[in-house]
C-alpha atoms as a PDB file:
ATOM      1  CA  MET A   1      -1.618  11.223  21.701  1.00  0.00           C
ATOM      2  CA  GLY A   2      -2.161  14.252  19.264  1.00  0.00           C
ATOM      3  CA  TYR A   3      -3.652  13.693  15.554  1.00  0.00           C
ATOM      4  CA  ILE A   4      -2.301  14.744  12.332  1.00  0.00           C
ATOM      5  CA  ARG A   5      -5.100  15.191   9.687  1.00  0.00           C
ATOM      6  CA  ILE A   6      -3.136  15.110   6.131  1.00  0.00           C
ATOM      7  CA  THR A   7      -4.511  18.012   3.493  1.00  0.00           C
ATOM      8  CA  GLU A   8      -4.032  19.625   0.216  1.00  0.00           C
ATOM      9  CA  GLU A   9      -2.162  22.147   2.469  1.00  0.00           C
ATOM     10  CA  ASN A  10      -0.196  19.791   4.062  1.00  0.00           C
ATOM     11  CA  ILE A  11       0.972  16.576   2.464  1.00  0.00           C
ATOM     12  CA  ASP A  12       3.782  17.768   0.794  1.00  0.00           C
ATOM     13  CA  ARG A  13       5.858  18.052   4.079  1.00  0.00           C
ATOM     14  CA  GLU A  14       4.068  15.572   6.214  1.00  0.00           C
ATOM     15  CA  HIS A  15       5.152  11.955   5.988  1.00  0.00           C
ATOM     16  CA  ILE A  16       2.451   9.349   5.062  1.00  0.00           C
ATOM     17  CA  CYS A  17       2.651   6.123   7.856  1.00  0.00           C
ATOM     18  CA  CYS A  18       1.348   3.700   5.468  1.00  0.00           C
ATOM     19  CA  ALA A  19       4.440   3.944   3.259  1.00  0.00           C
ATOM     20  CA  MET A  20       8.243   1.903   2.667  1.00  0.00           C
ATOM     21  CA  SER A  21      10.081   4.897   0.758  1.00  0.00           C
ATOM     22  CA  ASN A  22      10.315   8.440  -0.757  1.00  0.00           C
ATOM     23  CA  LYS A  23       8.951   7.113  -4.143  1.00  0.00           C
ATOM     24  CA  GLN A  24       6.228   4.853  -2.889  1.00  0.00           C
ATOM     25  CA  SER A  25       5.085   7.865  -0.743  1.00  0.00           C
ATOM     26  CA  GLU A  26       5.339  10.104  -3.610  1.00  0.00           C
ATOM     27  CA  ARG A  27       3.172   7.883  -5.713  1.00  0.00           C
ATOM     28  CA  LYS A  28       0.793   7.648  -2.824  1.00  0.00           C
ATOM     29  CA  LYS A  29       0.356  11.335  -2.053  1.00  0.00           C
ATOM     30  CA  GLU A  30      -0.614  12.171  -6.286  1.00  0.00           C
ATOM     31  CA  TRP A  31      -3.091   9.632  -5.153  1.00  0.00           C
ATOM     32  CA  LEU A  32      -4.342  10.939  -2.237  1.00  0.00           C
ATOM     33  CA  ARG A  33      -4.213  15.111  -3.850  1.00  0.00           C
ATOM     34  CA  GLU A  34      -6.762  13.411  -6.269  1.00  0.00           C
ATOM     35  CA  ARG A  35      -9.180  12.070  -3.632  1.00  0.00           C
ATOM     36  CA  PHE A  36      -9.350  14.997  -1.188  1.00  0.00           C
ATOM     37  CA  ARG A  37     -11.412  16.912  -3.063  1.00  0.00           C
ATOM     38  CA  GLU A  38     -14.125  13.530  -3.260  1.00  0.00           C
ATOM     39  CA  GLY A  39     -14.018  13.605   1.062  1.00  0.00           C
ATOM     40  CA  LEU A  40     -11.304  11.444   1.702  1.00  0.00           C
ATOM     41  CA  VAL A  41      -9.597  11.601   5.499  1.00  0.00           C
ATOM     42  CA  PHE A  42      -6.731  10.633   6.482  1.00  0.00           C
ATOM     43  CA  TYR A  43      -5.308  11.337   9.776  1.00  0.00           C
ATOM     44  CA  ARG A  44      -1.852   9.742  11.390  1.00  0.00           C
ATOM     45  CA  SER A  45      -0.582   9.833  14.896  1.00  0.00           C
ATOM     46  CA  GLU A  46       2.133  13.109  15.827  1.00  0.00           C
ATOM     47  CA  GLU A  47       4.224   9.773  16.690  1.00  0.00           C
ATOM     48  CA  ARG A  48       5.710   8.243  13.641  1.00  0.00           C
ATOM     49  CA  GLY A  49       4.442   4.582  13.210  1.00  0.00           C
ATOM     50  CA  LYS A  50       1.738   2.437  11.068  1.00  0.00           C
ATOM     51  CA  CYS A  51      -0.899   4.739  12.901  1.00  0.00           C
ATOM     52  CA  PHE A  52      -3.987   5.981  10.826  1.00  0.00           C
ATOM     53  CA  ILE A  53      -6.643   6.343   9.291  1.00  0.00           C
ATOM     54  CA  GLU A  54      -7.997   6.560   5.903  1.00  0.00           C
ATOM     55  CA  TYR A  55     -11.772   7.454   4.621  1.00  0.00           C
ATOM     56  CA  ILE A  56     -14.508   8.603   2.377  1.00  0.00           C
ATOM     57  CA  PRO A  57     -17.859   8.972   1.273  1.00  0.00           C
ATOM     58  CA  ALA A  58     -18.888   5.002   0.022  1.00  0.00           C
ATOM     59  CA  GLU A  59     -20.274   6.790  -3.635  1.00  0.00           C
ATOM     60  CA  ASN A  60     -16.314   8.095  -4.057  1.00  0.00           C
ATOM     61  CA  ALA A  61     -15.183   4.495  -2.421  1.00  0.00           C
ATOM     62  CA  TRP A  62     -12.256   2.570  -5.024  1.00  0.00           C
ATOM     63  CA  GLN A  63     -14.276  -0.671  -4.060  1.00  0.00           C
ATOM     64  CA  PRO A  64     -17.436  -2.133  -6.609  1.00  0.00           C
ATOM     65  CA  LEU A  65     -19.692  -1.370  -3.820  1.00  0.00           C
ATOM     66  CA  GLU A  66     -23.600  -0.152  -3.554  1.00  0.00           C
ATOM     67  CA  ALA A  67     -23.131   1.860  -0.360  1.00  0.00           C
ATOM     68  CA  ASP A  68     -24.463   5.193  -0.504  1.00  0.00           C
ATOM     69  CA  GLY A  69     -25.147   7.249   1.708  1.00  0.00           C
ATOM     70  CA  TYR A  70     -22.364   5.341   3.906  1.00  0.00           C
ATOM     71  CA  MET A  71     -18.709   6.242   4.348  1.00  0.00           C
ATOM     72  CA  HIS A  72     -16.245   4.049   4.037  1.00  0.00           C
ATOM     73  CA  ILE A  73     -12.479   3.295   5.514  1.00  0.00           C
ATOM     74  CA  ASP A  74     -10.038   2.308   3.149  1.00  0.00           C
ATOM     75  CA  CYS A  75      -8.069   1.393   6.094  1.00  0.00           C
ATOM     76  CA  LEU A  76      -7.703   1.369   9.919  1.00  0.00           C
ATOM     77  CA  TRP A  77      -3.989   0.595  10.480  1.00  0.00           C
ATOM     78  CA  VAL A  78      -2.297   0.684  13.790  1.00  0.00           C
ATOM     79  CA  SER A  79       0.597  -1.313  14.773  1.00  0.00           C
ATOM     80  CA  GLY A  80       4.012  -2.038  16.813  1.00  0.00           C
ATOM     81  CA  SER A  81       4.704  -0.710  19.265  1.00  0.00           C
ATOM     82  CA  LEU A  82       1.352   1.142  18.929  1.00  0.00           C
ATOM     83  CA  LYS A  83      -0.645  -1.277  19.375  1.00  0.00           C
ATOM     84  CA  GLY A  84      -2.553  -1.693  22.772  1.00  0.00           C
ATOM     85  CA  HIS A  85      -3.088   2.402  23.792  1.00  0.00           C
ATOM     86  CA  GLY A  86      -6.450   2.599  21.991  1.00  0.00           C
ATOM     87  CA  TYR A  87      -5.182   4.740  19.448  1.00  0.00           C
ATOM     88  CA  SER A  88      -6.996   2.515  16.961  1.00  0.00           C
ATOM     89  CA  SER A  89     -10.580   3.485  19.332  1.00  0.00           C
ATOM     90  CA  GLU A  90      -9.299   7.169  19.195  1.00  0.00           C
ATOM     91  CA  LEU A  91      -8.776   7.121  15.094  1.00  0.00           C
ATOM     92  CA  LEU A  92     -12.896   5.199  15.112  1.00  0.00           C
ATOM     93  CA  GLY A  93     -14.357   7.689  17.167  1.00  0.00           C
ATOM     94  CA  GLU A  94     -13.063  10.048  14.881  1.00  0.00           C
ATOM     95  CA  CYS A  95     -14.664   9.236  11.681  1.00  0.00           C
ATOM     96  CA  VAL A  96     -17.975   7.997  13.421  1.00  0.00           C
ATOM     97  CA  ARG A  97     -17.972  11.663  14.691  1.00  0.00           C
ATOM     98  CA  ASP A  98     -17.302  12.979  11.313  1.00  0.00           C
ATOM     99  CA  ALA A  99     -19.802  10.323   9.479  1.00  0.00           C
ATOM    100  CA  LYS A 100     -22.533  11.606  12.032  1.00  0.00           C
ATOM    101  CA  GLU A 101     -22.019  14.950  11.274  1.00  0.00           C
ATOM    102  CA  GLN A 102     -22.368  14.887   7.493  1.00  0.00           C
ATOM    103  CA  GLY A 103     -25.379  13.206   8.195  1.00  0.00           C
ATOM    104  CA  ARG A 104     -24.226   9.800   6.645  1.00  0.00           C
ATOM    105  CA  ARG A 105     -25.729   6.641   7.704  1.00  0.00           C
ATOM    106  CA  GLY A 106     -22.984   4.588   9.158  1.00  0.00           C
ATOM    107  CA  LEU A 107     -19.696   3.344   7.945  1.00  0.00           C
ATOM    108  CA  CYS A 108     -18.535   0.269   6.351  1.00  0.00           C
ATOM    109  CA  ILE A 109     -15.350  -1.607   6.023  1.00  0.00           C
ATOM    110  CA  LEU A 110     -13.704  -5.026   3.983  1.00  0.00           C
ATOM    111  CA  SER A 111     -13.050  -7.684   6.543  1.00  0.00           C
ATOM    112  CA  SER A 112     -13.323 -11.392   6.707  1.00  0.00           C
ATOM    113  CA  ALA A 113     -14.438 -13.955   8.444  1.00  0.00           C
ATOM    114  CA  LYS A 114     -11.478 -15.100  10.206  1.00  0.00           C
ATOM    115  CA  LYS A 115      -8.257 -13.191   9.772  1.00  0.00           C
ATOM    116  CA  LYS A 116      -7.481 -11.694   6.640  1.00  0.00           C
ATOM    117  CA  GLY A 117      -3.894  -9.613   5.744  1.00  0.00           C
ATOM    118  CA  PHE A 118      -4.686  -6.408   4.270  1.00  0.00           C
ATOM    119  CA  LEU A 119      -8.233  -6.323   5.889  1.00  0.00           C
ATOM    120  CA  ALA A 120      -9.825  -5.104   9.146  1.00  0.00           C
ATOM    121  CA  ASP A 121      -9.760  -7.228  11.726  1.00  0.00           C
ATOM    122  CA  PRO A 122     -13.210  -8.890  11.974  1.00  0.00           C
ATOM    123  CA  LYS A 123     -12.921 -10.098  16.136  1.00  0.00           C
ATOM    124  CA  TYR A 124     -11.612  -5.900  16.524  1.00  0.00           C
ATOM    125  CA  LEU A 125     -15.145  -4.885  13.850  1.00  0.00           C
ATOM    126  CA  ALA A 126     -17.558  -7.346  16.140  1.00  0.00           C
ATOM    127  CA  TYR A 127     -16.201  -5.207  19.312  1.00  0.00           C
ATOM    128  CA  LYS A 128     -17.462  -2.072  17.491  1.00  0.00           C
ATOM    129  CA  GLY A 129     -20.796  -2.774  17.183  1.00  0.00           C
ATOM    130  CA  PHE A 130     -19.799  -3.588  13.339  1.00  0.00           C
ATOM    131  CA  ARG A 131     -21.987  -6.521  11.458  1.00  0.00           C
ATOM    132  CA  VAL A 132     -21.518  -8.127   8.269  1.00  0.00           C
ATOM    133  CA  ALA A 133     -23.606  -6.557   5.587  1.00  0.00           C
ATOM    134  CA  ASP A 134     -22.837  -8.732   2.472  1.00  0.00           C
ATOM    135  CA  GLY A 135     -19.999 -11.304   1.157  1.00  0.00           C
ATOM    136  CA  SER A 136     -18.207 -12.658  -1.690  1.00  0.00           C
ATOM    137  CA  ASP A 137     -17.298 -16.555  -3.387  1.00  0.00           C
ATOM    138  CA  VAL A 138     -13.907 -15.698  -1.965  1.00  0.00           C
ATOM    139  CA  GLY A 139     -14.558 -15.713   1.427  1.00  0.00           C
ATOM    140  CA  ILE A 140     -13.730 -11.470   1.482  1.00  0.00           C
ATOM    141  CA  GLN A 141     -16.337  -9.356   3.553  1.00  0.00           C
ATOM    142  CA  LEU A 142     -18.400  -6.099   3.763  1.00  0.00           C
ATOM    143  CA  TRP A 143     -19.199  -5.302   7.139  1.00  0.00           C
ATOM    144  CA  TYR A 144     -20.952  -2.075   8.313  1.00  0.00           C
ATOM    145  CA  LEU A 145     -21.686  -0.004  11.412  1.00  0.00           C
ATOM    146  CA  PRO A 146     -24.980   1.825  10.462  1.00  0.00           C
ATOM    147  CA  PHE A 147     -26.166   4.923  12.771  1.00  0.00           C
ATOM    148  CA  ARG A 148     -29.833   3.887  13.410  1.00  0.00           C
ATOM    149  CA  ASP A 149     -32.000   1.282  13.541  1.00  0.00           C
ATOM    150  CA  GLY A 150     -33.271  -0.198  10.108  1.00  0.00           C
ATOM    151  CA  GLU A 151     -30.790   1.263   8.338  1.00  0.00           C
ATOM    152  CA  GLU A 152     -29.785  -1.111   4.341  1.00  0.00           C
ATOM    153  CA  PRO A 153     -26.979  -2.567   4.231  1.00  0.00           C
ATOM    154  CA  PRO A 154     -24.296  -1.777   2.404  1.00  0.00           C
ATOM    155  CA  ARG A 155     -23.969  -4.578   0.063  1.00  0.00           C
ATOM    156  CA  PHE A 156     -21.193  -5.517  -2.832  1.00  0.00           C
ATOM    157  CA  LYS A 157     -21.478  -5.227  -6.846  1.00  0.00           C
ATOM    158  CA  ASP A 158     -22.334  -8.510  -8.807  1.00  0.00           C
ATOM    159  CA  CYS A 159     -19.118  -8.247  -9.975  1.00  0.00           C
ATOM    160  CA  ALA A 160     -17.358  -7.909  -6.419  1.00  0.00           C
ATOM    161  CA  LYS A 161     -19.602 -10.570  -5.400  1.00  0.00           C
ATOM    162  CA  HIS A 162     -19.070 -13.177  -7.833  1.00  0.00           C
ATOM    163  CA  PRO A 163     -15.022 -12.421  -8.819  1.00  0.00           C
ATOM    164  CA  ARG A 164     -14.296 -13.669 -11.746  1.00  0.00           C
ATOM    165  CA  THR A 165     -11.731 -12.361 -15.340  1.00  0.00           C
ATOM    166  CA  ALA A 166     -11.958 -14.428 -18.333  1.00  0.00           C
ATOM    167  CA  GLU A 167      -8.471 -14.260 -19.488  1.00  0.00           C
ATOM    168  CA  SER A 168      -6.170 -17.776 -18.463  1.00  0.00           C
ATOM    169  CA  GLY A 169      -2.968 -17.006 -17.689  1.00  0.00           C
ATOM    170  CA  PHE A 170      -2.423 -15.264 -14.481  1.00  0.00           C
ATOM    171  CA  VAL A 171      -3.857 -11.371 -14.480  1.00  0.00           C
ATOM    172  CA  LEU A 172      -2.932  -9.158 -12.208  1.00  0.00           C
ATOM    173  CA  TYR A 173      -5.107  -5.922 -10.806  1.00  0.00           C
ATOM    174  CA  TYR A 174      -3.895  -3.177  -9.022  1.00  0.00           C
ATOM    175  CA  SER A 175      -3.791   0.266  -7.705  1.00  0.00           C
ATOM    176  CA  ASP A 176      -1.672   3.371  -6.415  1.00  0.00           C
ATOM    177  CA  GLN A 177      -4.387   3.214  -3.357  1.00  0.00           C
ATOM    178  CA  CYS A 178      -1.881   0.980  -1.330  1.00  0.00           C
ATOM    179  CA  PRO A 179       1.982   2.416  -1.744  1.00  0.00           C
ATOM    180  CA  PHE A 180       3.339  -1.280  -1.307  1.00  0.00           C
ATOM    181  CA  THR A 181       2.051  -1.528  -4.723  1.00  0.00           C
ATOM    182  CA  TYR A 182       4.531   0.431  -6.694  1.00  0.00           C
ATOM    183  CA  TYR A 183       6.950  -1.707  -5.199  1.00  0.00           C
ATOM    184  CA  TRP A 184       6.238  -5.047  -5.692  1.00  0.00           C
ATOM    185  CA  VAL A 185       3.508  -4.982  -8.961  1.00  0.00           C
ATOM    186  CA  PRO A 186       6.936  -4.097 -11.062  1.00  0.00           C
ATOM    187  CA  ARG A 187       9.112  -6.661  -9.329  1.00  0.00           C
ATOM    188  CA  LEU A 188       6.165  -9.590  -9.986  1.00  0.00           C
ATOM    189  CA  ALA A 189       5.686  -8.574 -13.553  1.00  0.00           C
ATOM    190  CA  ALA A 190       9.734  -9.183 -14.073  1.00  0.00           C
ATOM    191  CA  ALA A 191       9.764 -12.671 -11.912  1.00  0.00           C
ATOM    192  CA  ALA A 192       6.906 -13.485 -14.655  1.00  0.00           C
ATOM    193  CA  ALA A 193       8.974 -12.357 -17.820  1.00  0.00           C
ATOM    194  CA  GLU A 194      11.989 -14.320 -16.737  1.00  0.00           C
ATOM    195  CA  HIS A 195      10.551 -17.231 -15.942  1.00  0.00           C
ATOM    196  CA  GLY A 196       8.718 -17.456 -19.027  1.00  0.00           C
ATOM    197  CA  VAL A 197       4.906 -17.224 -16.526  1.00  0.00           C
ATOM    198  CA  ALA A 198       2.232 -15.470 -18.891  1.00  0.00           C
ATOM    199  CA  LEU A 199       1.008 -12.369 -16.361  1.00  0.00           C
ATOM    200  CA  LYS A 200      -1.275  -9.661 -17.250  1.00  0.00           C
ATOM    201  CA  VAL A 201      -0.685  -6.692 -15.639  1.00  0.00           C
ATOM    202  CA  VAL A 202      -4.134  -4.098 -15.041  1.00  0.00           C
ATOM    203  CA  PRO A 203      -3.877  -0.597 -13.754  1.00  0.00           C
ATOM    204  CA  ILE A 204      -6.751   0.384 -11.896  1.00  0.00           C
ATOM    205  CA  ASP A 205      -6.349   4.019 -12.494  1.00  0.00           C
ATOM    206  CA  SER A 206      -9.984   6.111 -12.039  1.00  0.00           C
ATOM    207  CA  ARG A 207     -12.600   5.519 -10.134  1.00  0.00           C
ATOM    208  CA  GLU A 208     -15.277   3.584 -12.723  1.00  0.00           C
ATOM    209  CA  ALA A 209     -12.517   1.738 -12.920  1.00  0.00           C
ATOM    210  CA  ALA A 210     -11.837   0.785  -9.716  1.00  0.00           C
ATOM    211  CA  GLN A 211     -16.327   0.675  -8.750  1.00  0.00           C
ATOM    212  CA  ASN A 212     -16.748  -2.037 -11.959  1.00  0.00           C
ATOM    213  CA  ALA A 213     -13.528  -3.733 -10.676  1.00  0.00           C
ATOM    214  CA  PRO A 214     -13.592  -7.892 -10.918  1.00  0.00           C
ATOM    215  CA  SER A 215     -12.851  -8.065  -6.902  1.00  0.00           C
ATOM    216  CA  PRO A 216     -14.096  -7.083  -3.792  1.00  0.00           C
ATOM    217  CA  VAL A 217     -10.525  -5.814  -3.097  1.00  0.00           C
ATOM    218  CA  THR A 218      -8.662  -3.491  -6.125  1.00  0.00           C
ATOM    219  CA  ASN A 219      -5.390  -2.584  -4.062  1.00  0.00           C
ATOM    220  CA  PHE A 220      -4.293  -5.518  -5.766  1.00  0.00           C
ATOM    221  CA  ALA A 221      -6.027  -8.732  -6.524  1.00  0.00           C
ATOM    222  CA  LEU A 222      -4.525 -11.600  -8.359  1.00  0.00           C
ATOM    223  CA  PHE A 223      -5.878 -14.320 -10.664  1.00  0.00           C
ATOM    224  CA  ARG A 224      -5.200 -17.068 -12.546  1.00  0.00           C
ATOM    225  CA  ASP A 225      -7.044 -18.495 -15.154  1.00  0.00           C
ATOM    226  CA  GLY A 226     -10.451 -16.353 -14.866  1.00  0.00           C
ATOM    227  CA  ALA A 227     -10.503 -17.405 -10.566  1.00  0.00           C
ATOM    228  CA  PHE A 228      -9.667 -15.733  -8.447  1.00  0.00           C
ATOM    229  CA  ILE A 229      -6.212 -16.023  -6.329  1.00  0.00           C
ATOM    230  CA  THR A 230      -5.740 -13.682  -3.551  1.00  0.00           C
ATOM    231  CA  HIS A 231      -5.788 -10.180  -2.609  1.00  0.00           C
ATOM    232  CA  GLU A 232      -2.853 -10.091  -0.289  1.00  0.00           C
ATOM    233  CA  ILE A 233       0.189  -8.284  -1.803  1.00  0.00           C
ATOM    234  CA  LEU A 234       3.000 -11.207  -2.688  1.00  0.00           C
ATOM    235  CA  SER A 235       6.382 -11.183  -3.276  1.00  0.00           C
ATOM    236  CA  GLU A 236       8.336 -12.616  -6.173  1.00  0.00           C
ATOM    237  CA  LYS A 237       9.234 -16.032  -4.541  1.00  0.00           C
ATOM    238  CA  LYS A 238       5.368 -16.227  -3.402  1.00  0.00           C
ATOM    239  CA  PHE A 239       4.104 -15.819  -6.842  1.00  0.00           C
ATOM    240  CA  LEU A 240       6.409 -17.893  -8.692  1.00  0.00           C
ATOM    241  CA  ALA A 241       5.467 -20.967  -5.957  1.00  0.00           C
ATOM    242  CA  LEU A 242       2.103 -20.085  -7.040  1.00  0.00           C
ATOM    243  CA  ALA A 243       3.355 -20.426 -10.782  1.00  0.00           C
ATOM    244  CA  GLY A 244       4.936 -23.894  -9.789  1.00  0.00           C
ATOM    245  CA  VAL A 245       8.646 -22.132 -10.785  1.00  0.00           C
ATOM    246  CA  ALA A 246      10.728 -23.899  -8.827  1.00  0.00           C
ATOM    247  CA  ASP A 247      13.969 -23.003  -6.502  1.00  0.00           C
ATOM    248  CA  SER A 248      12.739 -19.201  -6.929  1.00  0.00           C
ATOM    249  CA  ALA A 249      14.625 -16.976  -4.886  1.00  0.00           C
ATOM    250  CA  GLU A 250      14.028 -13.072  -3.063  1.00  0.00           C
ATOM    251  CA  SER A 251      15.835 -10.886  -5.146  1.00  0.00           C
END
């Protein structure tokens, strides 16, 4: 199967396969436009579906990392009928080729000891030669694939390694890097307001803010009374259940 590289020249006419709607797509495209000049690469399959890779030099990644010289994979996603055909290996292979051509030290990506939603599959990463570089208190790990023996592993900054906030109640950090937040974050805020649940929403709107965020994941990070709760994007029903609100329902 062929692949299309999304660039500043074609982004207005090309579909972004991680988006659910045109509005989500436009918000994600706005975010991508700013990142292209920082070295971000986005490849997707010619066939419509969720089959793509997004990566960027780790110095410019929207994650709290110490990973100079590495290439950071924001997302590698192949799903549905496109799974099982070797497409993820082809996309990863292109990332490896590109990173080596740029003289990078290796690749890094977020994962976990056991598969978690919105994170790379650790079994797949191990199969491809990745190994754990660092871990956080909340079970989210940084994996890496060095290109040469003896490379110093990348690592989390302390704010990501030990996620914590000072505020009471719920605090939600999010960015436009994931288009799903455009859909769900306003719905969580509305549900919290309707049911009297204390929720502070903090948009991460710059690379500096992302690289110093109190979480290893910056797309979506929910805290309660200072403690990290989840990085997985929640529906209103799941959020209200966490808040102890009875008889909640999907809108």
